[in-house]
Amino acid sequence: MRTEYLKDLPPHWQPAAAVFAALGDETRQRILLLFEEGEELSIKTITSQFGFGRSTIVHHLAILEKVGALSSRRVGKLALYSVRPLTVLDALEKLRVYIEEEFTAASRACRRNLP
């Protein structure tokens, strides 16, 4: 058993953990799924798709923006959001590499030692 990360995640893992935590919420997943490739959506457009108030949607957008899954730009008073897929893909890749390196190698070693 590994115990070195019980207290703190290693620094290189923290951005991926933040993405996974943000995506652990179904509403935030649904927000990301609204976007088509290259599309920008306003808060009003996003809010109109949910049964929540504007402040709730703004809260979810802020979390997604903080972890880098969304970016925003202002056009006058309008905030337009777009998906940053590479941020999510990077988190998934870190997890894939970890699983491949740690568990696949261990699995191969166990199979070699079987009678």
PDB file of N, CA and C in Angstrom:
ATOM      1  N   MET A   1       0.845  -1.182   0.000  1.00  0.00           N
ATOM      2  CA  MET A   1       0.000   0.000   0.000  1.00  0.00           C
ATOM      3  C   MET A   1       0.886   1.239   0.000  1.00  0.00           C
ATOM      4  N   ARG A   2       0.482   2.189  -0.840  1.00  0.00           N
ATOM      5  CA  ARG A   2       1.195   3.462  -0.884  1.00  0.00           C
ATOM      6  C   ARG A   2       0.519   4.427   0.077  1.00  0.00           C
ATOM      7  N   THR A   3       1.299   5.069   0.892  1.00  0.00           N
ATOM      8  CA  THR A   3       0.730   6.026   1.843  1.00  0.00           C
ATOM      9  C   THR A   3       1.294   7.433   1.677  1.00  0.00           C
ATOM     10  N   GLU A   4       2.217   7.623   0.742  1.00  0.00           N
ATOM     11  CA  GLU A   4       2.882   8.918   0.636  1.00  0.00           C
ATOM     12  C   GLU A   4       1.955  10.052   0.187  1.00  0.00           C
ATOM     13  N   TYR A   5       0.812   9.732  -0.401  1.00  0.00           N
ATOM     14  CA  TYR A   5      -0.085  10.780  -0.884  1.00  0.00           C
ATOM     15  C   TYR A   5      -1.360  10.894  -0.063  1.00  0.00           C
ATOM     16  N   LEU A   6      -1.396  10.306   1.104  1.00  0.00           N
ATOM     17  CA  LEU A   6      -2.596  10.390   1.935  1.00  0.00           C
ATOM     18  C   LEU A   6      -2.885  11.815   2.390  1.00  0.00           C
ATOM     19  N   LYS A   7      -1.837  12.556   2.686  1.00  0.00           N
ATOM     20  CA  LYS A   7      -2.026  13.925   3.178  1.00  0.00           C
ATOM     21  C   LYS A   7      -2.177  14.929   2.038  1.00  0.00           C
ATOM     22  N   ASP A   8      -1.311  14.869   1.048  1.00  0.00           N
ATOM     23  CA  ASP A   8      -1.322  15.839  -0.048  1.00  0.00           C
ATOM     24  C   ASP A   8      -1.058  15.143  -1.374  1.00  0.00           C
ATOM     25  N   LEU A   9      -1.738  15.618  -2.401  1.00  0.00           N
ATOM     26  CA  LEU A   9      -1.446  15.153  -3.749  1.00  0.00           C
ATOM     27  C   LEU A   9      -0.127  15.756  -4.209  1.00  0.00           C
ATOM     28  N   PRO A  10       0.594  15.061  -5.077  1.00  0.00           N
ATOM     29  CA  PRO A  10       1.804  15.685  -5.625  1.00  0.00           C
ATOM     30  C   PRO A  10       1.408  16.898  -6.471  1.00  0.00           C
ATOM     31  N   PRO A  11       2.243  17.914  -6.499  1.00  0.00           N
ATOM     32  CA  PRO A  11       1.901  19.146  -7.226  1.00  0.00           C
ATOM     33  C   PRO A  11       1.526  18.915  -8.694  1.00  0.00           C
ATOM     34  N   HIS A  12       2.194  17.990  -9.371  1.00  0.00           N
ATOM     35  CA  HIS A  12       1.901  17.764 -10.785  1.00  0.00           C
ATOM     36  C   HIS A  12       0.524  17.116 -11.001  1.00  0.00           C
ATOM     37  N   TRP A  13      -0.069  16.565  -9.974  1.00  0.00           N
ATOM     38  CA  TRP A  13      -1.362  15.906 -10.077  1.00  0.00           C
ATOM     39  C   TRP A  13      -2.516  16.852  -9.733  1.00  0.00           C
ATOM     40  N   GLN A  14      -2.238  17.946  -9.034  1.00  0.00           N
ATOM     41  CA  GLN A  14      -3.289  18.832  -8.543  1.00  0.00           C
ATOM     42  C   GLN A  14      -4.168  19.452  -9.635  1.00  0.00           C
ATOM     43  N   PRO A  15      -3.624  19.911 -10.774  1.00  0.00           N
ATOM     44  CA  PRO A  15      -4.520  20.445 -11.810  1.00  0.00           C
ATOM     45  C   PRO A  15      -5.506  19.402 -12.340  1.00  0.00           C
ATOM     46  N   ALA A  16      -5.041  18.178 -12.525  1.00  0.00           N
ATOM     47  CA  ALA A  16      -5.933  17.117 -12.997  1.00  0.00           C
ATOM     48  C   ALA A  16      -6.996  16.816 -11.951  1.00  0.00           C
ATOM     49  N   ALA A  17      -6.608  16.786 -10.686  1.00  0.00           N
ATOM     50  CA  ALA A  17      -7.573  16.526  -9.614  1.00  0.00           C
ATOM     51  C   ALA A  17      -8.646  17.606  -9.573  1.00  0.00           C
ATOM     52  N   ALA A  18      -8.259  18.855  -9.825  1.00  0.00           N
ATOM     53  CA  ALA A  18      -9.230  19.954  -9.839  1.00  0.00           C
ATOM     54  C   ALA A  18     -10.225  19.789 -10.993  1.00  0.00           C
ATOM     55  N   VAL A  19      -9.739  19.356 -12.149  1.00  0.00           N
ATOM     56  CA  VAL A  19     -10.629  19.114 -13.289  1.00  0.00           C
ATOM     57  C   VAL A  19     -11.608  17.997 -12.951  1.00  0.00           C
ATOM     58  N   PHE A  20     -11.108  16.895 -12.384  1.00  0.00           N
ATOM     59  CA  PHE A  20     -11.989  15.784 -12.031  1.00  0.00           C
ATOM     60  C   PHE A  20     -13.015  16.207 -10.983  1.00  0.00           C
ATOM     61  N   ALA A  21     -12.600  17.009 -10.017  1.00  0.00           N
ATOM     62  CA  ALA A  21     -13.538  17.486  -8.992  1.00  0.00           C
ATOM     63  C   ALA A  21     -14.624  18.351  -9.627  1.00  0.00           C
ATOM     64  N   ALA A  22     -14.231  19.234 -10.537  1.00  0.00           N
ATOM     65  CA  ALA A  22     -15.207  20.096 -11.207  1.00  0.00           C
ATOM     66  C   ALA A  22     -16.174  19.265 -12.048  1.00  0.00           C
ATOM     67  N   LEU A  23     -15.667  18.245 -12.699  1.00  0.00           N
ATOM     68  CA  LEU A  23     -16.509  17.413 -13.551  1.00  0.00           C
ATOM     69  C   LEU A  23     -17.300  16.372 -12.770  1.00  0.00           C
ATOM     70  N   GLY A  24     -17.098  16.332 -11.460  1.00  0.00           N
ATOM     71  CA  GLY A  24     -17.863  15.424 -10.618  1.00  0.00           C
ATOM     72  C   GLY A  24     -19.296  15.880 -10.417  1.00  0.00           C
ATOM     73  N   ASP A  25     -19.601  17.080 -10.860  1.00  0.00           N
ATOM     74  CA  ASP A  25     -20.947  17.629 -10.717  1.00  0.00           C
ATOM     75  C   ASP A  25     -21.698  17.471 -12.039  1.00  0.00           C
ATOM     76  N   GLU A  26     -22.878  16.868 -11.986  1.00  0.00           N
ATOM     77  CA  GLU A  26     -23.648  16.601 -13.198  1.00  0.00           C
ATOM     78  C   GLU A  26     -24.039  17.878 -13.941  1.00  0.00           C
ATOM     79  N   THR A  27     -24.372  18.927 -13.225  1.00  0.00           N
ATOM     80  CA  THR A  27     -24.740  20.182 -13.893  1.00  0.00           C
ATOM     81  C   THR A  27     -23.568  20.718 -14.699  1.00  0.00           C
ATOM     82  N   ARG A  28     -22.374  20.664 -14.141  1.00  0.00           N
ATOM     83  CA  ARG A  28     -21.204  21.151 -14.879  1.00  0.00           C
ATOM     84  C   ARG A  28     -20.923  20.276 -16.098  1.00  0.00           C
ATOM     85  N   GLN A  29     -21.143  18.981 -15.971  1.00  0.00           N
ATOM     86  CA  GLN A  29     -20.990  18.106 -17.137  1.00  0.00           C
ATOM     87  C   GLN A  29     -21.995  18.494 -18.218  1.00  0.00           C
ATOM     88  N   ARG A  30     -23.227  18.746 -17.803  1.00  0.00           N
ATOM     89  CA  ARG A  30     -24.278  19.120 -18.756  1.00  0.00           C
ATOM     90  C   ARG A  30     -23.966  20.462 -19.419  1.00  0.00           C
ATOM     91  N   ILE A  31     -23.391  21.380 -18.669  1.00  0.00           N
ATOM     92  CA  ILE A  31     -22.993  22.668 -19.254  1.00  0.00           C
ATOM     93  C   ILE A  31     -21.963  22.434 -20.351  1.00  0.00           C
ATOM     94  N   LEU A  32     -20.943  21.636 -20.070  1.00  0.00           N
ATOM     95  CA  LEU A  32     -19.920  21.367 -21.090  1.00  0.00           C
ATOM     96  C   LEU A  32     -20.509  20.691 -22.321  1.00  0.00           C
ATOM     97  N   LEU A  33     -21.485  19.819 -22.098  1.00  0.00           N
ATOM     98  CA  LEU A  33     -22.090  19.097 -23.215  1.00  0.00           C
ATOM     99  C   LEU A  33     -22.974  19.978 -24.095  1.00  0.00           C
ATOM    100  N   LEU A  34     -23.304  21.176 -23.632  1.00  0.00           N
ATOM    101  CA  LEU A  34     -24.080  22.112 -24.451  1.00  0.00           C
ATOM    102  C   LEU A  34     -23.290  22.615 -25.659  1.00  0.00           C
ATOM    103  N   PHE A  35     -21.992  22.734 -25.499  1.00  0.00           N
ATOM    104  CA  PHE A  35     -21.160  23.392 -26.502  1.00  0.00           C
ATOM    105  C   PHE A  35     -20.887  22.497 -27.702  1.00  0.00           C
ATOM    106  N   GLU A  36     -20.963  23.119 -28.862  1.00  0.00           N
ATOM    107  CA  GLU A  36     -20.475  22.480 -30.076  1.00  0.00           C
ATOM    108  C   GLU A  36     -19.056  22.979 -30.321  1.00  0.00           C
ATOM    109  N   GLU A  37     -18.329  22.305 -31.168  1.00  0.00           N
ATOM    110  CA  GLU A  37     -16.938  22.673 -31.438  1.00  0.00           C
ATOM    111  C   GLU A  37     -16.848  24.123 -31.896  1.00  0.00           C
ATOM    112  N   GLY A  38     -15.982  24.883 -31.220  1.00  0.00           N
ATOM    113  CA  GLY A  38     -15.741  26.271 -31.577  1.00  0.00           C
ATOM    114  C   GLY A  38     -16.843  27.242 -31.191  1.00  0.00           C
ATOM    115  N   GLU A  39     -17.866  26.761 -30.524  1.00  0.00           N
ATOM    116  CA  GLU A  39     -19.009  27.604 -30.183  1.00  0.00           C
ATOM    117  C   GLU A  39     -18.755  28.422 -28.926  1.00  0.00           C
ATOM    118  N   GLU A  40     -19.297  29.634 -28.919  1.00  0.00           N
ATOM    119  CA  GLU A  40     -19.291  30.486 -27.731  1.00  0.00           C
ATOM    120  C   GLU A  40     -20.736  30.679 -27.293  1.00  0.00           C
ATOM    121  N   LEU A  41     -20.965  30.553 -25.987  1.00  0.00           N
ATOM    122  CA  LEU A  41     -22.313  30.725 -25.448  1.00  0.00           C
ATOM    123  C   LEU A  41     -22.294  31.775 -24.349  1.00  0.00           C
ATOM    124  N   SER A  42     -23.354  32.566 -24.299  1.00  0.00           N
ATOM    125  CA  SER A  42     -23.476  33.573 -23.248  1.00  0.00           C
ATOM    126  C   SER A  42     -24.102  32.950 -22.007  1.00  0.00           C
ATOM    127  N   ILE A  43     -23.969  33.654 -20.897  1.00  0.00           N
ATOM    128  CA  ILE A  43     -24.591  33.200 -19.647  1.00  0.00           C
ATOM    129  C   ILE A  43     -26.102  33.087 -19.848  1.00  0.00           C
ATOM    130  N   LYS A  44     -26.692  34.042 -20.533  1.00  0.00           N
ATOM    131  CA  LYS A  44     -28.141  34.030 -20.768  1.00  0.00           C
ATOM    132  C   LYS A  44     -28.549  32.783 -21.551  1.00  0.00           C
ATOM    133  N   THR A  45     -27.803  32.447 -22.582  1.00  0.00           N
ATOM    134  CA  THR A  45     -28.111  31.274 -23.393  1.00  0.00           C
ATOM    135  C   THR A  45     -27.994  29.999 -22.567  1.00  0.00           C
ATOM    136  N   ILE A  46     -26.938  29.904 -21.779  1.00  0.00           N
ATOM    137  CA  ILE A  46     -26.734  28.714 -20.945  1.00  0.00           C
ATOM    138  C   ILE A  46     -27.835  28.619 -19.890  1.00  0.00           C
ATOM    139  N   THR A  47     -28.105  29.724 -19.218  1.00  0.00           N
ATOM    140  CA  THR A  47     -29.133  29.740 -18.168  1.00  0.00           C
ATOM    141  C   THR A  47     -30.492  29.326 -18.723  1.00  0.00           C
ATOM    142  N   SER A  48     -30.801  29.722 -19.946  1.00  0.00           N
ATOM    143  CA  SER A  48     -32.107  29.405 -20.532  1.00  0.00           C
ATOM    144  C   SER A  48     -32.311  27.904 -20.735  1.00  0.00           C
ATOM    145  N   GLN A  49     -31.236  27.132 -20.684  1.00  0.00           N
ATOM    146  CA  GLN A  49     -31.332  25.693 -20.898  1.00  0.00           C
ATOM    147  C   GLN A  49     -31.548  24.909 -19.601  1.00  0.00           C
ATOM    148  N   PHE A  50     -31.471  25.592 -18.481  1.00  0.00           N
ATOM    149  CA  PHE A  50     -31.580  24.941 -17.180  1.00  0.00           C
ATOM    150  C   PHE A  50     -32.725  25.548 -16.375  1.00  0.00           C
ATOM    151  N   GLY A  51     -33.153  24.850 -15.362  1.00  0.00           N
ATOM    152  CA  GLY A  51     -34.184  25.358 -14.472  1.00  0.00           C
ATOM    153  C   GLY A  51     -33.607  26.050 -13.263  1.00  0.00           C
ATOM    154  N   PHE A  52     -32.410  26.605 -13.409  1.00  0.00           N
ATOM    155  CA  PHE A  52     -31.726  27.286 -12.308  1.00  0.00           C
ATOM    156  C   PHE A  52     -31.690  28.783 -12.588  1.00  0.00           C
ATOM    157  N   GLY A  53     -31.446  29.538 -11.525  1.00  0.00           N
ATOM    158  CA  GLY A  53     -31.254  30.969 -11.688  1.00  0.00           C
ATOM    159  C   GLY A  53     -29.879  31.287 -12.251  1.00  0.00           C
ATOM    160  N   ARG A  54     -29.743  32.513 -12.686  1.00  0.00           N
ATOM    161  CA  ARG A  54     -28.478  32.990 -13.254  1.00  0.00           C
ATOM    162  C   ARG A  54     -27.311  32.819 -12.290  1.00  0.00           C
ATOM    163  N   SER A  55     -27.518  33.114 -11.013  1.00  0.00           N
ATOM    164  CA  SER A  55     -26.407  33.033 -10.051  1.00  0.00           C
ATOM    165  C   SER A  55     -25.890  31.600  -9.909  1.00  0.00           C
ATOM    166  N   THR A  56     -26.774  30.621  -9.996  1.00  0.00           N
ATOM    167  CA  THR A  56     -26.347  29.221  -9.921  1.00  0.00           C
ATOM    168  C   THR A  56     -25.494  28.867 -11.132  1.00  0.00           C
ATOM    169  N   ILE A  57     -25.925  29.275 -12.312  1.00  0.00           N
ATOM    170  CA  ILE A  57     -25.167  28.988 -13.526  1.00  0.00           C
ATOM    171  C   ILE A  57     -23.819  29.711 -13.494  1.00  0.00           C
ATOM    172  N   VAL A  58     -23.810  30.954 -13.047  1.00  0.00           N
ATOM    173  CA  VAL A  58     -22.559  31.713 -12.943  1.00  0.00           C
ATOM    174  C   VAL A  58     -21.596  30.998 -12.002  1.00  0.00           C
ATOM    175  N   HIS A  59     -22.101  30.459 -10.912  1.00  0.00           N
ATOM    176  CA  HIS A  59     -21.275  29.697  -9.971  1.00  0.00           C
ATOM    177  C   HIS A  59     -20.614  28.503 -10.681  1.00  0.00           C
ATOM    178  N   HIS A  60     -21.409  27.740 -11.431  1.00  0.00           N
ATOM    179  CA  HIS A  60     -20.879  26.572 -12.140  1.00  0.00           C
ATOM    180  C   HIS A  60     -19.885  26.991 -13.221  1.00  0.00           C
ATOM    181  N   LEU A  61     -20.186  28.055 -13.931  1.00  0.00           N
ATOM    182  CA  LEU A  61     -19.272  28.550 -14.965  1.00  0.00           C
ATOM    183  C   LEU A  61     -17.943  28.983 -14.350  1.00  0.00           C
ATOM    184  N   ALA A  62     -18.000  29.626 -13.198  1.00  0.00           N
ATOM    185  CA  ALA A  62     -16.777  30.079 -12.523  1.00  0.00           C
ATOM    186  C   ALA A  62     -15.902  28.896 -12.138  1.00  0.00           C
ATOM    187  N   ILE A  63     -16.505  27.826 -11.665  1.00  0.00           N
ATOM    188  CA  ILE A  63     -15.733  26.629 -11.297  1.00  0.00           C
ATOM    189  C   ILE A  63     -15.082  26.027 -12.538  1.00  0.00           C
ATOM    190  N   LEU A  64     -15.847  25.910 -13.612  1.00  0.00           N
ATOM    191  CA  LEU A  64     -15.289  25.349 -14.849  1.00  0.00           C
ATOM    192  C   LEU A  64     -14.186  26.239 -15.427  1.00  0.00           C
ATOM    193  N   GLU A  65     -14.366  27.540 -15.290  1.00  0.00           N
ATOM    194  CA  GLU A  65     -13.335  28.460 -15.780  1.00  0.00           C
ATOM    195  C   GLU A  65     -12.082  28.387 -14.904  1.00  0.00           C
ATOM    196  N   LYS A  66     -12.277  28.280 -13.604  1.00  0.00           N
ATOM    197  CA  LYS A  66     -11.136  28.222 -12.682  1.00  0.00           C
ATOM    198  C   LYS A  66     -10.228  27.027 -12.970  1.00  0.00           C
ATOM    199  N   VAL A  67     -10.805  25.879 -13.316  1.00  0.00           N
ATOM    200  CA  VAL A  67      -9.981  24.697 -13.592  1.00  0.00           C
ATOM    201  C   VAL A  67      -9.498  24.658 -15.035  1.00  0.00           C
ATOM    202  N   GLY A  68      -9.950  25.620 -15.846  1.00  0.00           N
ATOM    203  CA  GLY A  68      -9.478  25.712 -17.224  1.00  0.00           C
ATOM    204  C   GLY A  68     -10.297  24.937 -18.237  1.00  0.00           C
ATOM    205  N   ALA A  69     -11.455  24.392 -17.832  1.00  0.00           N
ATOM    206  CA  ALA A  69     -12.300  23.655 -18.770  1.00  0.00           C
ATOM    207  C   ALA A  69     -13.093  24.594 -19.675  1.00  0.00           C
ATOM    208  N   LEU A  70     -13.289  25.826 -19.220  1.00  0.00           N
ATOM    209  CA  LEU A  70     -13.947  26.864 -20.016  1.00  0.00           C
ATOM    210  C   LEU A  70     -13.068  28.105 -20.023  1.00  0.00           C
ATOM    211  N   SER A  71     -13.211  28.878 -21.073  1.00  0.00           N
ATOM    212  CA  SER A  71     -12.606  30.213 -21.084  1.00  0.00           C
ATOM    213  C   SER A  71     -13.713  31.202 -21.412  1.00  0.00           C
ATOM    214  N   SER A  72     -13.483  32.437 -21.051  1.00  0.00           N
ATOM    215  CA  SER A  72     -14.483  33.463 -21.348  1.00  0.00           C
ATOM    216  C   SER A  72     -13.800  34.685 -21.933  1.00  0.00           C
ATOM    217  N   ARG A  73     -14.589  35.412 -22.681  1.00  0.00           N
ATOM    218  CA  ARG A  73     -14.124  36.698 -23.196  1.00  0.00           C
ATOM    219  C   ARG A  73     -15.303  37.645 -23.140  1.00  0.00           C
ATOM    220  N   ARG A  74     -14.985  38.898 -22.984  1.00  0.00           N
ATOM    221  CA  ARG A  74     -16.035  39.915 -22.870  1.00  0.00           C
ATOM    222  C   ARG A  74     -16.178  40.646 -24.197  1.00  0.00           C
ATOM    223  N   VAL A  75     -17.421  40.850 -24.548  1.00  0.00           N
ATOM    224  CA  VAL A  75     -17.777  41.668 -25.703  1.00  0.00           C
ATOM    225  C   VAL A  75     -18.769  42.687 -25.165  1.00  0.00           C
ATOM    226  N   GLY A  76     -18.251  43.864 -24.827  1.00  0.00           N
ATOM    227  CA  GLY A  76     -19.080  44.853 -24.139  1.00  0.00           C
ATOM    228  C   GLY A  76     -19.467  44.312 -22.775  1.00  0.00           C
ATOM    229  N   LYS A  77     -20.758  44.256 -22.496  1.00  0.00           N
ATOM    230  CA  LYS A  77     -21.231  43.725 -21.217  1.00  0.00           C
ATOM    231  C   LYS A  77     -21.457  42.216 -21.263  1.00  0.00           C
ATOM    232  N   LEU A  78     -21.334  41.645 -22.435  1.00  0.00           N
ATOM    233  CA  LEU A  78     -21.628  40.232 -22.644  1.00  0.00           C
ATOM    234  C   LEU A  78     -20.390  39.371 -22.380  1.00  0.00           C
ATOM    235  N   ALA A  79     -20.550  38.316 -21.585  1.00  0.00           N
ATOM    236  CA  ALA A  79     -19.478  37.341 -21.375  1.00  0.00           C
ATOM    237  C   ALA A  79     -19.799  36.116 -22.217  1.00  0.00           C
ATOM    238  N   LEU A  80     -18.862  35.752 -23.080  1.00  0.00           N
ATOM    239  CA  LEU A  80     -19.025  34.577 -23.931  1.00  0.00           C
ATOM    240  C   LEU A  80     -18.075  33.481 -23.463  1.00  0.00           C
ATOM    241  N   TYR A  81     -18.601  32.285 -23.309  1.00  0.00           N
ATOM    242  CA  TYR A  81     -17.829  31.147 -22.822  1.00  0.00           C
ATOM    243  C   TYR A  81     -17.595  30.156 -23.953  1.00  0.00           C
ATOM    244  N   SER A  82     -16.440  29.506 -23.905  1.00  0.00           N
ATOM    245  CA  SER A  82     -16.126  28.436 -24.851  1.00  0.00           C
ATOM    246  C   SER A  82     -15.368  27.338 -24.112  1.00  0.00           C
ATOM    247  N   VAL A  83     -15.466  26.146 -24.654  1.00  0.00           N
ATOM    248  CA  VAL A  83     -14.832  24.978 -24.040  1.00  0.00           C
ATOM    249  C   VAL A  83     -13.349  24.966 -24.385  1.00  0.00           C
ATOM    250  N   ARG A  84     -12.546  24.558 -23.407  1.00  0.00           N
ATOM    251  CA  ARG A  84     -11.114  24.345 -23.615  1.00  0.00           C
ATOM    252  C   ARG A  84     -10.865  22.837 -23.477  1.00  0.00           C
ATOM    253  N   PRO A  85     -11.093  22.079 -24.542  1.00  0.00           N
ATOM    254  CA  PRO A  85     -11.025  20.623 -24.447  1.00  0.00           C
ATOM    255  C   PRO A  85      -9.657  20.086 -24.062  1.00  0.00           C
ATOM    256  N   LEU A  86      -8.590  20.798 -24.390  1.00  0.00           N
ATOM    257  CA  LEU A  86      -7.260  20.288 -24.076  1.00  0.00           C
ATOM    258  C   LEU A  86      -7.017  20.191 -22.573  1.00  0.00           C
ATOM    259  N   THR A  87      -7.651  21.048 -21.797  1.00  0.00           N
ATOM    260  CA  THR A  87      -7.517  20.978 -20.339  1.00  0.00           C
ATOM    261  C   THR A  87      -8.085  19.664 -19.820  1.00  0.00           C
ATOM    262  N   VAL A  88      -9.255  19.299 -20.305  1.00  0.00           N
ATOM    263  CA  VAL A  88      -9.888  18.051 -19.874  1.00  0.00           C
ATOM    264  C   VAL A  88      -9.102  16.861 -20.414  1.00  0.00           C
ATOM    265  N   LEU A  89      -8.680  16.939 -21.664  1.00  0.00           N
ATOM    266  CA  LEU A  89      -7.894  15.845 -22.242  1.00  0.00           C
ATOM    267  C   LEU A  89      -6.572  15.650 -21.507  1.00  0.00           C
ATOM    268  N   ASP A  90      -5.959  16.739 -21.079  1.00  0.00           N
ATOM    269  CA  ASP A  90      -4.706  16.640 -20.324  1.00  0.00           C
ATOM    270  C   ASP A  90      -4.921  15.901 -18.998  1.00  0.00           C
ATOM    271  N   ALA A  91      -6.002  16.208 -18.308  1.00  0.00           N
ATOM    272  CA  ALA A  91      -6.305  15.517 -17.044  1.00  0.00           C
ATOM    273  C   ALA A  91      -6.543  14.035 -17.292  1.00  0.00           C
ATOM    274  N   LEU A  92      -7.282  13.719 -18.335  1.00  0.00           N
ATOM    275  CA  LEU A  92      -7.526  12.318 -18.671  1.00  0.00           C
ATOM    276  C   LEU A  92      -6.232  11.597 -19.053  1.00  0.00           C
ATOM    277  N   GLU A  93      -5.373  12.300 -19.762  1.00  0.00           N
ATOM    278  CA  GLU A  93      -4.089  11.702 -20.164  1.00  0.00           C
ATOM    279  C   GLU A  93      -3.212  11.413 -18.946  1.00  0.00           C
ATOM    280  N   LYS A  94      -3.194  12.332 -17.971  1.00  0.00           N
ATOM    281  CA  LYS A  94      -2.421  12.088 -16.749  1.00  0.00           C
ATOM    282  C   LYS A  94      -2.926  10.828 -16.046  1.00  0.00           C
ATOM    283  N   LEU A  95      -4.227  10.668 -15.979  1.00  0.00           N
ATOM    284  CA  LEU A  95      -4.801   9.481 -15.354  1.00  0.00           C
ATOM    285  C   LEU A  95      -4.477   8.234 -16.169  1.00  0.00           C
ATOM    286  N   ARG A  96      -4.595   8.317 -17.486  1.00  0.00           N
ATOM    287  CA  ARG A  96      -4.292   7.171 -18.347  1.00  0.00           C
ATOM    288  C   ARG A  96      -2.841   6.731 -18.189  1.00  0.00           C
ATOM    289  N   VAL A  97      -1.926   7.685 -18.201  1.00  0.00           N
ATOM    290  CA  VAL A  97      -0.502   7.364 -18.059  1.00  0.00           C
ATOM    291  C   VAL A  97      -0.234   6.732 -16.695  1.00  0.00           C
ATOM    292  N   TYR A  98      -0.828   7.287 -15.660  1.00  0.00           N
ATOM    293  CA  TYR A  98      -0.641   6.729 -14.318  1.00  0.00           C
ATOM    294  C   TYR A  98      -1.116   5.281 -14.272  1.00  0.00           C
ATOM    295  N   ILE A  99      -2.308   5.036 -14.780  1.00  0.00           N
ATOM    296  CA  ILE A  99      -2.850   3.671 -14.761  1.00  0.00           C
ATOM    297  C   ILE A  99      -1.974   2.745 -15.593  1.00  0.00           C
ATOM    298  N   GLU A 100      -1.592   3.203 -16.757  1.00  0.00           N
ATOM    299  CA  GLU A 100      -0.758   2.376 -17.628  1.00  0.00           C
ATOM    300  C   GLU A 100       0.586   2.059 -16.990  1.00  0.00           C
ATOM    301  N   GLU A 101       1.237   3.084 -16.433  1.00  0.00           N
ATOM    302  CA  GLU A 101       2.561   2.877 -15.851  1.00  0.00           C
ATOM    303  C   GLU A 101       2.518   2.077 -14.558  1.00  0.00           C
ATOM    304  N   GLU A 102       1.579   2.378 -13.700  1.00  0.00           N
ATOM    305  CA  GLU A 102       1.556   1.748 -12.380  1.00  0.00           C
ATOM    306  C   GLU A 102       0.858   0.395 -12.367  1.00  0.00           C
ATOM    307  N   PHE A 103      -0.261   0.291 -13.027  1.00  0.00           N
ATOM    308  CA  PHE A 103      -1.053  -0.923 -12.905  1.00  0.00           C
ATOM    309  C   PHE A 103      -0.793  -1.922 -14.017  1.00  0.00           C
ATOM    310  N   THR A 104      -0.537  -1.452 -15.216  1.00  0.00           N
ATOM    311  CA  THR A 104      -0.261  -2.378 -16.293  1.00  0.00           C
ATOM    312  C   THR A 104       1.080  -3.053 -16.066  1.00  0.00           C
ATOM    313  N   ALA A 105       2.075  -2.287 -15.621  1.00  0.00           N
ATOM    314  CA  ALA A 105       3.389  -2.880 -15.335  1.00  0.00           C
ATOM    315  C   ALA A 105       3.276  -3.893 -14.198  1.00  0.00           C
ATOM    316  N   ALA A 106       2.531  -3.567 -13.159  1.00  0.00           N
ATOM    317  CA  ALA A 106       2.347  -4.487 -12.032  1.00  0.00           C
ATOM    318  C   ALA A 106       1.598  -5.731 -12.490  1.00  0.00           C
ATOM    319  N   SER A 107       0.615  -5.546 -13.336  1.00  0.00           N
ATOM    320  CA  SER A 107      -0.161  -6.671 -13.847  1.00  0.00           C
ATOM    321  C   SER A 107       0.715  -7.600 -14.668  1.00  0.00           C
ATOM    322  N   ARG A 108       1.569  -7.037 -15.515  1.00  0.00           N
ATOM    323  CA  ARG A 108       2.489  -7.864 -16.315  1.00  0.00           C
ATOM    324  C   ARG A 108       3.444  -8.624 -15.421  1.00  0.00           C
ATOM    325  N   ALA A 109       3.956  -7.950 -14.381  1.00  0.00           N
ATOM    326  CA  ALA A 109       4.889  -8.599 -13.455  1.00  0.00           C
ATOM    327  C   ALA A 109       4.209  -9.763 -12.741  1.00  0.00           C
ATOM    328  N   CYS A 110       2.959  -9.572 -12.338  1.00  0.00           N
ATOM    329  CA  CYS A 110       2.213 -10.646 -11.648  1.00  0.00           C
ATOM    330  C   CYS A 110       2.013 -11.827 -12.593  1.00  0.00           C
ATOM    331  N   ARG A 111       1.679 -11.562 -13.841  1.00  0.00           N
ATOM    332  CA  ARG A 111       1.461 -12.645 -14.794  1.00  0.00           C
ATOM    333  C   ARG A 111       2.734 -13.416 -15.061  1.00  0.00           C
ATOM    334  N   ARG A 112       3.867 -12.729 -15.080  1.00  0.00           N
ATOM    335  CA  ARG A 112       5.149 -13.419 -15.298  1.00  0.00           C
ATOM    336  C   ARG A 112       5.480 -14.340 -14.144  1.00  0.00           C
ATOM    337  N   ASN A 113       5.026 -14.011 -12.949  1.00  0.00           N
ATOM    338  CA  ASN A 113       5.358 -14.800 -11.763  1.00  0.00           C
ATOM    339  C   ASN A 113       4.373 -15.927 -11.495  1.00  0.00           C
ATOM    340  N   LEU A 114       3.340 -16.053 -12.340  1.00  0.00           N
ATOM    341  CA  LEU A 114       2.375 -17.141 -12.152  1.00  0.00           C
ATOM    342  C   LEU A 114       3.005 -18.468 -12.587  1.00  0.00           C
ATOM    343  N   PRO A 115       2.644 -19.562 -11.885  1.00  0.00           N
ATOM    344  CA  PRO A 115       3.200 -20.879 -12.269  1.00  0.00           C
ATOM    345  C   PRO A 115       2.678 -21.346 -13.603  1.00  0.00           C
TER     346      PRO A 115
END
